[in-house]
Every structure is written in structure tokens, then in C-alpha cells.
N, C-alpha and C. Protein backbone atom coordinates (compact mmCIF):
# COMPACT_ATOMS: atom_id res chain seq x y z
N MET A 1 -2.11 2.84 14.12
CA MET A 1 -2.13 1.42 13.65
C MET A 1 -3.38 1.12 12.87
N GLN A 2 -4.51 1.70 13.31
CA GLN A 2 -5.80 1.42 12.67
C GLN A 2 -5.73 2.04 11.20
N ALA A 3 -5.17 3.20 11.07
CA ALA A 3 -5.15 3.81 9.77
C ALA A 3 -4.25 2.99 8.82
N ILE A 4 -3.20 2.39 9.28
CA ILE A 4 -2.32 1.55 8.50
C ILE A 4 -3.09 0.27 8.04
N LEU A 5 -3.84 -0.33 8.96
CA LEU A 5 -4.51 -1.55 8.58
C LEU A 5 -5.70 -1.24 7.62
N ILE A 6 -6.32 -0.13 7.77
CA ILE A 6 -7.41 0.25 6.84
C ILE A 6 -6.80 0.49 5.43
N GLY A 7 -5.79 1.25 5.35
CA GLY A 7 -5.10 1.46 4.09
C GLY A 7 -4.58 0.13 3.45
N GLY A 8 -4.03 -0.68 4.29
CA GLY A 8 -3.53 -1.99 3.79
C GLY A 8 -4.66 -2.88 3.32
N ALA A 9 -5.77 -2.83 4.04
CA ALA A 9 -6.92 -3.65 3.63
C ALA A 9 -7.50 -3.16 2.27
N PHE A 10 -7.51 -1.85 2.09
CA PHE A 10 -7.93 -1.28 0.81
C PHE A 10 -7.03 -1.78 -0.27
N ASN A 11 -5.75 -1.71 -0.07
CA ASN A 11 -4.74 -2.14 -1.04
C ASN A 11 -4.88 -3.64 -1.24
N GLY A 12 -4.82 -4.45 -0.23
CA GLY A 12 -4.74 -5.91 -0.30
C GLY A 12 -5.95 -6.49 -0.91
N VAL A 13 -7.17 -6.17 -0.42
CA VAL A 13 -8.39 -6.71 -0.88
C VAL A 13 -8.70 -6.43 -2.31
N LEU A 14 -8.61 -5.19 -2.68
CA LEU A 14 -8.91 -4.82 -4.01
C LEU A 14 -7.88 -5.37 -5.05
N SER A 15 -6.65 -5.56 -4.59
CA SER A 15 -5.65 -6.12 -5.43
C SER A 15 -5.77 -7.63 -5.61
N ALA A 16 -6.48 -8.32 -4.76
CA ALA A 16 -6.66 -9.80 -4.81
C ALA A 16 -7.89 -10.17 -5.53
N LEU A 17 -8.86 -9.31 -5.75
CA LEU A 17 -10.14 -9.68 -6.33
C LEU A 17 -10.01 -9.73 -7.94
N PRO A 18 -10.49 -10.75 -8.49
CA PRO A 18 -10.49 -10.87 -10.00
C PRO A 18 -11.17 -9.72 -10.65
N LEU A 19 -10.63 -9.26 -11.76
CA LEU A 19 -11.12 -8.13 -12.54
C LEU A 19 -10.93 -6.78 -11.80
N ILE A 20 -11.26 -6.72 -10.58
CA ILE A 20 -11.01 -5.43 -9.85
C ILE A 20 -9.50 -5.19 -9.71
N GLU A 21 -8.71 -6.25 -9.66
CA GLU A 21 -7.23 -6.18 -9.57
C GLU A 21 -6.65 -5.41 -10.78
N LEU A 22 -7.41 -5.30 -11.90
CA LEU A 22 -6.92 -4.56 -13.05
C LEU A 22 -6.69 -3.13 -12.75
N GLY A 23 -7.26 -2.56 -11.66
CA GLY A 23 -6.98 -1.16 -11.26
C GLY A 23 -5.53 -1.01 -10.89
N ASN A 24 -4.84 -2.10 -10.62
CA ASN A 24 -3.40 -2.02 -10.22
C ASN A 24 -2.54 -1.98 -11.45
N CYS A 25 -3.11 -2.03 -12.58
CA CYS A 25 -2.21 -1.91 -13.85
C CYS A 25 -1.50 -0.49 -13.88
N CYS A 26 -2.12 0.47 -13.22
CA CYS A 26 -1.47 1.80 -13.05
C CYS A 26 -1.23 2.02 -11.53
N CYS A 27 -1.16 1.02 -10.78
CA CYS A 27 -0.90 1.04 -9.30
C CYS A 27 -1.98 1.89 -8.55
N LEU A 28 -3.25 1.85 -8.98
CA LEU A 28 -4.23 2.66 -8.43
C LEU A 28 -4.53 2.22 -6.99
N TRP A 29 -4.72 0.93 -6.74
CA TRP A 29 -5.09 0.42 -5.42
C TRP A 29 -3.94 0.59 -4.42
N VAL A 30 -2.72 0.31 -4.84
CA VAL A 30 -1.65 0.41 -3.83
C VAL A 30 -1.32 1.84 -3.57
N THR A 31 -1.34 2.74 -4.48
CA THR A 31 -1.13 4.14 -4.22
C THR A 31 -2.29 4.74 -3.42
N GLY A 32 -3.48 4.30 -3.74
CA GLY A 32 -4.64 4.75 -3.01
C GLY A 32 -4.61 4.26 -1.55
N GLY A 33 -4.16 3.07 -1.28
CA GLY A 33 -4.05 2.60 0.08
C GLY A 33 -3.11 3.45 0.94
N GLY A 34 -2.01 3.93 0.31
CA GLY A 34 -1.08 4.80 1.02
C GLY A 34 -1.70 6.15 1.28
N ALA A 35 -2.45 6.67 0.29
CA ALA A 35 -3.07 7.99 0.42
C ALA A 35 -4.20 7.94 1.47
N ILE A 36 -4.94 6.89 1.51
CA ILE A 36 -5.99 6.74 2.46
C ILE A 36 -5.39 6.70 3.90
N THR A 37 -4.32 6.01 4.00
CA THR A 37 -3.59 5.92 5.28
C THR A 37 -3.21 7.37 5.80
N ALA A 38 -2.64 8.12 4.89
CA ALA A 38 -2.20 9.48 5.26
C ALA A 38 -3.43 10.35 5.60
N TRP A 39 -4.57 10.20 4.86
CA TRP A 39 -5.78 10.94 5.12
C TRP A 39 -6.31 10.59 6.47
N LEU A 40 -6.35 9.32 6.79
CA LEU A 40 -6.86 8.92 8.13
C LEU A 40 -5.90 9.37 9.24
N LEU A 41 -4.61 9.41 9.08
CA LEU A 41 -3.72 9.86 10.08
C LEU A 41 -3.92 11.41 10.28
N GLN A 42 -4.10 12.10 9.18
CA GLN A 42 -4.30 13.59 9.28
C GLN A 42 -5.59 13.90 9.96
N ARG A 43 -6.62 13.13 9.79
CA ARG A 43 -7.90 13.35 10.42
C ARG A 43 -7.85 13.26 11.92
N GLU A 44 -6.92 12.41 12.44
CA GLU A 44 -6.75 12.15 13.88
C GLU A 44 -5.97 13.28 14.59
N ARG A 45 -5.31 14.14 13.82
CA ARG A 45 -4.33 15.07 14.42
C ARG A 45 -4.78 16.53 14.19
N ALA A 46 -4.39 17.39 15.08
CA ALA A 46 -4.63 18.83 15.01
C ALA A 46 -3.54 19.52 14.23
N GLU A 47 -2.34 18.99 14.36
CA GLU A 47 -1.20 19.55 13.68
C GLU A 47 -1.02 18.97 12.27
N PRO A 48 -0.36 19.61 11.35
CA PRO A 48 -0.16 19.05 10.02
C PRO A 48 0.64 17.77 10.01
N LEU A 49 0.34 16.88 9.13
CA LEU A 49 1.10 15.59 9.03
C LEU A 49 2.32 15.89 8.26
N ASP A 50 3.46 15.45 8.84
CA ASP A 50 4.75 15.54 8.21
C ASP A 50 4.80 14.61 6.99
N PRO A 51 5.39 15.10 5.85
CA PRO A 51 5.52 14.21 4.67
C PRO A 51 6.26 12.91 4.95
N GLY A 52 7.24 12.95 5.81
CA GLY A 52 7.96 11.73 6.20
C GLY A 52 7.11 10.77 6.93
N GLU A 53 6.23 11.27 7.82
CA GLU A 53 5.31 10.40 8.52
C GLU A 53 4.31 9.79 7.55
N GLY A 54 3.86 10.56 6.58
CA GLY A 54 2.93 10.05 5.59
C GLY A 54 3.59 8.96 4.75
N ALA A 55 4.88 9.19 4.32
CA ALA A 55 5.54 8.15 3.57
C ALA A 55 5.78 6.89 4.40
N LEU A 56 6.14 7.01 5.64
CA LEU A 56 6.40 5.86 6.49
C LEU A 56 5.03 5.07 6.72
N ALA A 57 3.98 5.83 6.97
CA ALA A 57 2.70 5.18 7.19
C ALA A 57 2.27 4.44 5.84
N GLY A 58 2.55 5.06 4.73
CA GLY A 58 2.24 4.45 3.46
C GLY A 58 3.01 3.17 3.21
N LEU A 59 4.28 3.21 3.58
CA LEU A 59 5.14 1.97 3.51
C LEU A 59 4.60 0.88 4.39
N LEU A 60 4.22 1.19 5.60
CA LEU A 60 3.63 0.12 6.52
C LEU A 60 2.34 -0.33 5.98
N ALA A 61 1.49 0.50 5.38
CA ALA A 61 0.24 0.10 4.81
C ALA A 61 0.50 -0.78 3.60
N GLY A 62 1.59 -0.51 2.88
CA GLY A 62 1.90 -1.37 1.73
C GLY A 62 2.34 -2.76 2.13
N VAL A 63 3.10 -2.86 3.21
CA VAL A 63 3.51 -4.19 3.78
C VAL A 63 2.25 -4.87 4.26
N ALA A 64 1.38 -4.20 5.02
CA ALA A 64 0.17 -4.80 5.51
C ALA A 64 -0.73 -5.18 4.37
N GLY A 65 -0.78 -4.46 3.32
CA GLY A 65 -1.56 -4.77 2.09
C GLY A 65 -1.08 -5.97 1.43
N ALA A 66 0.19 -6.19 1.39
CA ALA A 66 0.77 -7.39 0.75
C ALA A 66 0.39 -8.63 1.57
N VAL A 67 0.45 -8.54 2.89
CA VAL A 67 0.04 -9.65 3.74
C VAL A 67 -1.51 -9.91 3.56
N ILE A 68 -2.31 -8.91 3.57
CA ILE A 68 -3.74 -9.08 3.43
C ILE A 68 -4.04 -9.65 2.01
N PHE A 69 -3.27 -9.16 1.00
CA PHE A 69 -3.42 -9.70 -0.40
C PHE A 69 -3.24 -11.23 -0.41
N ALA A 70 -2.15 -11.67 0.33
CA ALA A 70 -1.85 -13.13 0.35
C ALA A 70 -2.99 -13.93 1.01
N VAL A 71 -3.49 -13.37 2.11
CA VAL A 71 -4.54 -14.05 2.85
C VAL A 71 -5.84 -14.09 2.00
N VAL A 72 -6.18 -13.04 1.35
CA VAL A 72 -7.42 -12.99 0.61
C VAL A 72 -7.27 -13.81 -0.73
N SER A 73 -6.03 -13.79 -1.29
CA SER A 73 -5.88 -14.48 -2.59
C SER A 73 -5.92 -16.00 -2.50
N VAL A 74 -5.69 -16.55 -1.25
CA VAL A 74 -5.75 -18.03 -1.12
C VAL A 74 -7.17 -18.55 -1.52
N PRO A 75 -8.20 -18.06 -0.90
CA PRO A 75 -9.47 -18.64 -1.31
C PRO A 75 -9.89 -18.19 -2.76
N VAL A 76 -9.45 -17.02 -3.21
CA VAL A 76 -9.76 -16.61 -4.57
C VAL A 76 -9.01 -17.51 -5.52
N GLN A 77 -7.80 -17.86 -5.25
CA GLN A 77 -7.03 -18.75 -6.20
C GLN A 77 -7.65 -20.16 -6.13
N MET A 78 -8.13 -20.61 -5.03
CA MET A 78 -8.72 -21.94 -4.93
C MET A 78 -10.04 -21.93 -5.68
N ALA A 79 -10.80 -20.86 -5.57
CA ALA A 79 -12.09 -20.78 -6.27
C ALA A 79 -11.83 -20.68 -7.78
N MET A 80 -10.80 -20.06 -8.22
CA MET A 80 -10.49 -19.93 -9.61
C MET A 80 -10.09 -21.30 -10.17
N GLY A 81 -9.59 -22.12 -9.35
CA GLY A 81 -9.30 -23.55 -9.77
C GLY A 81 -8.25 -23.65 -10.79
N SER A 82 -8.61 -24.28 -11.89
CA SER A 82 -7.59 -24.60 -12.93
C SER A 82 -7.40 -23.54 -13.92
N LEU A 83 -7.93 -22.36 -13.67
CA LEU A 83 -7.77 -21.34 -14.67
C LEU A 83 -6.29 -20.95 -14.80
N GLY A 84 -5.52 -21.06 -13.75
CA GLY A 84 -4.07 -20.84 -13.85
C GLY A 84 -3.72 -19.40 -14.14
N MET A 85 -2.46 -19.09 -13.92
CA MET A 85 -1.95 -17.74 -14.20
C MET A 85 -1.24 -17.70 -15.58
N PHE A 86 -0.91 -18.82 -16.19
CA PHE A 86 -0.22 -18.82 -17.47
C PHE A 86 -1.12 -19.61 -18.47
N GLU A 87 -1.26 -19.04 -19.66
CA GLU A 87 -1.93 -19.72 -20.74
C GLU A 87 -0.93 -20.20 -21.69
N VAL A 88 -0.67 -21.54 -21.72
CA VAL A 88 0.44 -22.07 -22.55
C VAL A 88 -0.07 -22.82 -23.77
N GLY A 89 -1.41 -22.83 -23.96
CA GLY A 89 -1.95 -23.58 -25.05
C GLY A 89 -1.51 -23.09 -26.45
N THR A 90 -1.39 -21.82 -26.59
CA THR A 90 -0.98 -21.21 -27.88
C THR A 90 0.50 -20.86 -27.99
N LEU A 91 1.21 -21.07 -26.95
CA LEU A 91 2.67 -20.74 -27.01
C LEU A 91 3.44 -21.93 -27.66
N ASP A 92 4.42 -21.51 -28.41
CA ASP A 92 5.35 -22.47 -29.08
C ASP A 92 6.58 -22.67 -28.23
N VAL A 93 6.46 -23.55 -27.20
CA VAL A 93 7.55 -23.83 -26.30
C VAL A 93 7.85 -25.32 -26.28
N PRO A 94 9.06 -25.66 -25.85
CA PRO A 94 9.39 -27.11 -25.76
C PRO A 94 8.51 -27.84 -24.76
N PRO A 95 8.24 -29.09 -24.90
CA PRO A 95 7.28 -29.82 -23.99
C PRO A 95 7.79 -29.71 -22.47
N GLU A 96 9.10 -29.71 -22.23
CA GLU A 96 9.61 -29.69 -20.87
C GLU A 96 9.20 -28.31 -20.19
N VAL A 97 9.34 -27.26 -21.01
CA VAL A 97 8.96 -25.91 -20.46
C VAL A 97 7.48 -25.85 -20.26
N ARG A 98 6.72 -26.42 -21.22
CA ARG A 98 5.28 -26.41 -21.05
C ARG A 98 4.82 -27.18 -19.81
N GLU A 99 5.41 -28.26 -19.49
CA GLU A 99 5.11 -29.02 -18.31
C GLU A 99 5.46 -28.25 -17.02
N LEU A 100 6.57 -27.54 -17.03
CA LEU A 100 7.03 -26.74 -15.94
C LEU A 100 6.03 -25.58 -15.68
N ILE A 101 5.62 -24.90 -16.75
CA ILE A 101 4.69 -23.76 -16.62
C ILE A 101 3.35 -24.34 -16.13
N GLU A 102 2.87 -25.41 -16.63
CA GLU A 102 1.61 -25.98 -16.20
C GLU A 102 1.69 -26.45 -14.70
N ALA A 103 2.83 -26.99 -14.30
CA ALA A 103 3.02 -27.33 -12.90
C ALA A 103 2.98 -26.15 -11.98
N LEU A 104 3.69 -25.11 -12.39
CA LEU A 104 3.71 -23.91 -11.60
C LEU A 104 2.35 -23.25 -11.53
N SER A 105 1.62 -23.20 -12.57
CA SER A 105 0.30 -22.54 -12.56
C SER A 105 -0.71 -23.36 -11.82
N SER A 106 -0.49 -24.61 -11.60
CA SER A 106 -1.47 -25.48 -10.91
C SER A 106 -1.30 -25.41 -9.35
N SER A 107 -0.18 -24.89 -8.91
CA SER A 107 0.05 -24.88 -7.44
C SER A 107 -0.46 -23.53 -6.90
N VAL A 108 -1.52 -23.65 -6.08
CA VAL A 108 -2.11 -22.48 -5.47
C VAL A 108 -1.08 -21.79 -4.52
N ALA A 109 -0.40 -22.59 -3.75
CA ALA A 109 0.63 -22.01 -2.81
C ALA A 109 1.72 -21.26 -3.56
N LEU A 110 2.15 -21.75 -4.63
CA LEU A 110 3.21 -21.12 -5.41
C LEU A 110 2.66 -19.79 -6.04
N ARG A 111 1.46 -19.82 -6.56
CA ARG A 111 0.81 -18.63 -7.13
C ARG A 111 0.70 -17.57 -6.08
N VAL A 112 0.28 -17.93 -4.90
CA VAL A 112 0.09 -17.01 -3.82
C VAL A 112 1.44 -16.46 -3.33
N LEU A 113 2.49 -17.28 -3.32
CA LEU A 113 3.79 -16.83 -2.92
C LEU A 113 4.35 -15.86 -3.93
N ILE A 114 4.23 -16.17 -5.18
CA ILE A 114 4.69 -15.26 -6.28
C ILE A 114 3.95 -13.91 -6.16
N GLY A 115 2.62 -13.98 -5.98
CA GLY A 115 1.83 -12.79 -5.81
C GLY A 115 2.16 -12.03 -4.65
N PHE A 116 2.44 -12.64 -3.53
CA PHE A 116 2.88 -11.94 -2.26
C PHE A 116 4.18 -11.21 -2.49
N VAL A 117 5.13 -11.87 -3.01
CA VAL A 117 6.49 -11.19 -3.25
C VAL A 117 6.36 -10.04 -4.18
N THR A 118 5.59 -10.22 -5.30
CA THR A 118 5.36 -9.11 -6.18
C THR A 118 4.63 -7.92 -5.54
N MET A 119 3.55 -8.25 -4.82
CA MET A 119 2.81 -7.27 -4.13
C MET A 119 3.65 -6.54 -3.05
N LEU A 120 4.50 -7.28 -2.35
CA LEU A 120 5.35 -6.65 -1.34
C LEU A 120 6.28 -5.61 -1.94
N ILE A 121 6.87 -5.97 -3.06
CA ILE A 121 7.77 -4.98 -3.72
C ILE A 121 6.96 -3.78 -4.30
N VAL A 122 5.92 -4.10 -5.00
CA VAL A 122 5.17 -2.96 -5.65
C VAL A 122 4.44 -2.13 -4.60
N SER A 123 3.88 -2.75 -3.57
CA SER A 123 3.17 -2.00 -2.55
C SER A 123 4.13 -1.17 -1.73
N ALA A 124 5.31 -1.72 -1.43
CA ALA A 124 6.28 -0.92 -0.71
C ALA A 124 6.65 0.35 -1.41
N ILE A 125 6.82 0.27 -2.68
CA ILE A 125 7.16 1.45 -3.46
C ILE A 125 5.98 2.41 -3.68
N PHE A 126 4.92 1.95 -4.19
CA PHE A 126 3.82 2.86 -4.61
C PHE A 126 2.96 3.24 -3.43
N SER A 127 2.80 2.40 -2.41
CA SER A 127 2.08 2.86 -1.25
C SER A 127 2.85 3.91 -0.46
N THR A 128 4.16 3.85 -0.45
CA THR A 128 5.00 4.90 0.11
C THR A 128 4.72 6.21 -0.61
N LEU A 129 4.75 6.14 -1.88
CA LEU A 129 4.48 7.36 -2.69
C LEU A 129 3.03 7.88 -2.48
N GLY A 130 2.08 6.96 -2.33
CA GLY A 130 0.72 7.38 -2.01
C GLY A 130 0.59 8.05 -0.62
N GLY A 131 1.37 7.56 0.31
CA GLY A 131 1.36 8.14 1.67
C GLY A 131 1.99 9.55 1.61
N LEU A 132 3.03 9.70 0.83
CA LEU A 132 3.70 11.01 0.68
C LEU A 132 2.76 11.94 -0.04
N LEU A 133 2.13 11.50 -1.09
CA LEU A 133 1.14 12.32 -1.79
C LEU A 133 -0.01 12.69 -0.93
N GLY A 134 -0.56 11.73 -0.15
CA GLY A 134 -1.60 12.05 0.77
C GLY A 134 -1.27 13.04 1.82
N ALA A 135 -0.02 12.98 2.27
CA ALA A 135 0.46 13.89 3.31
C ALA A 135 0.40 15.32 2.78
N PHE A 136 0.69 15.49 1.52
CA PHE A 136 0.62 16.85 0.89
C PHE A 136 -0.78 17.23 0.55
N LEU A 137 -1.61 16.30 0.05
CA LEU A 137 -2.96 16.63 -0.41
C LEU A 137 -3.86 16.91 0.79
N PHE A 138 -3.72 16.13 1.85
CA PHE A 138 -4.69 16.30 2.95
C PHE A 138 -4.11 17.06 4.12
N ARG A 139 -3.05 17.75 3.92
CA ARG A 139 -2.36 18.49 5.02
C ARG A 139 -3.24 19.57 5.57
N LYS A 140 -3.35 19.61 6.90
CA LYS A 140 -4.08 20.69 7.57
C LYS A 140 -3.14 21.89 7.67
N SER A 141 -3.69 23.08 7.78
CA SER A 141 -2.85 24.21 7.98
C SER A 141 -2.38 24.20 9.48
N ALA A 142 -1.23 24.90 9.71
CA ALA A 142 -0.72 24.88 11.07
C ALA A 142 -1.72 25.56 12.03
N PRO A 143 -1.80 25.06 13.30
CA PRO A 143 -2.67 25.64 14.23
C PRO A 143 -2.31 27.13 14.50
N PRO A 144 -3.31 27.94 14.77
CA PRO A 144 -3.06 29.39 14.96
C PRO A 144 -2.11 29.59 16.18
N ALA A 145 -1.40 30.71 16.15
CA ALA A 145 -0.45 31.06 17.21
C ALA A 145 -1.30 31.41 18.49
N ALA A 146 -0.67 31.28 19.59
CA ALA A 146 -1.32 31.60 20.88
C ALA A 146 -1.66 33.10 20.90
N PRO A 147 -2.67 33.51 21.64
CA PRO A 147 -3.10 34.93 21.71
C PRO A 147 -1.95 35.79 22.15
N GLY A 148 -1.96 37.02 21.77
CA GLY A 148 -0.87 37.99 22.07
C GLY A 148 -0.49 38.00 23.54
N GLY A 149 0.80 38.24 23.86
CA GLY A 149 1.28 38.38 25.16
C GLY A 149 1.69 37.10 25.83
N THR A 150 1.43 35.92 25.22
CA THR A 150 1.82 34.69 25.87
C THR A 150 3.10 34.10 25.29
N GLU A 151 3.67 34.84 24.36
CA GLU A 151 4.87 34.39 23.74
C GLU A 151 6.06 34.59 24.75
N ILE A 152 6.93 33.56 24.84
CA ILE A 152 8.05 33.67 25.77
C ILE A 152 9.19 34.38 25.04
N VAL A 153 9.68 35.49 25.63
CA VAL A 153 10.77 36.20 25.06
C VAL A 153 11.92 36.20 26.01
N PRO A 154 13.11 35.83 25.58
CA PRO A 154 14.25 35.78 26.49
C PRO A 154 14.66 37.23 27.01
N PRO A 155 15.16 37.31 28.25
CA PRO A 155 15.53 38.63 28.77
C PRO A 155 16.68 39.22 27.92
N PRO A 156 16.79 40.52 27.91
CA PRO A 156 17.93 41.12 27.20
C PRO A 156 19.26 40.81 27.90
N PRO A 157 20.37 40.83 27.14
CA PRO A 157 21.64 40.52 27.77
C PRO A 157 22.05 41.54 28.75
N PRO A 158 22.79 41.21 29.79
CA PRO A 158 23.18 42.14 30.81
C PRO A 158 24.12 43.23 30.15
N PRO A 159 24.09 44.41 30.69
CA PRO A 159 25.04 45.46 30.13
C PRO A 159 26.43 45.15 30.54
N ILE A 160 27.35 45.55 29.64
CA ILE A 160 28.77 45.25 29.87
C ILE A 160 29.47 46.40 30.42
């Protein structure tokens, strides 16, 4: 659980910060969050991490990252104030559409909700891929076999 929260925090916090969020234009933070989760899980285990486990951990980290993104983006959006997410000053749109866009961009709750839904979808996909990639990249080799003579061999079949 701790690895999932750390990967999700990496994903969510970096995705919510202004300018730093630009790393997500190529899904760097969300994929990295999944890979970090797989790396942390592999560090805790002696046996190799199964790729399915890495993908599932990445998915969970992506969901956690979307929630953390929403929590962190509330104060960020409030601090950004009237900067808004849409610039309509230079667009040639009807006045009704302009008013709608300005109303949508002035609502912090709506911006956070749109960001959360977007992050949930994007993080679920790319963080899963990051967890799968991390499971392959950080995979430990299988533990060595037991010393000779301790292998269990079934008895031979009885003679007929």
C-alpha cells in the first residue's frame, strides 16, 4: 500500500503543479508514478515481481494519483485565481459561447472536477503501462535453487 501511495503522490503532485505539469505532455509523470510503484514493490520482495502485479500496482497508483492531483490542485487553482484554463480573448466565438467558457473557467470546483476525470482516465492507462514497464525493468532474478539433495522426487511407480 505504501508503494502505491508513493507512486500516486509522485504522479498527482507533479501533475498538479504549474509548469511542472508540462512533463505530462508525454505522460512522463503518470508513467513514472507506475514505474516507481513497481520499483518499490520489487525492492520489498526477494522473488521477481510478476508483470501482472506491476500493472495492477501501477493502475492503483494511477487512481491514487488522480485523487492526490484533485486534492493538490484545489489550492493551486485558487492561487492561480482568474487566470482560467481557457483564453477566449482572441477567439472568434458568439457571445453566448464566450460567456459559457468564461463561466466554466472561473469555477475552481469545475476545473478541479474536469482535471480529476481527465487525470483518472490518463493515469489509469499510462500508470498501468508504467507499472508493467517497471516490473520488467526492475525485475530481480529468480532466487537460487536449494542446495543439492533437498529436491523432492516422487517414488518410482510400482512394478506391474
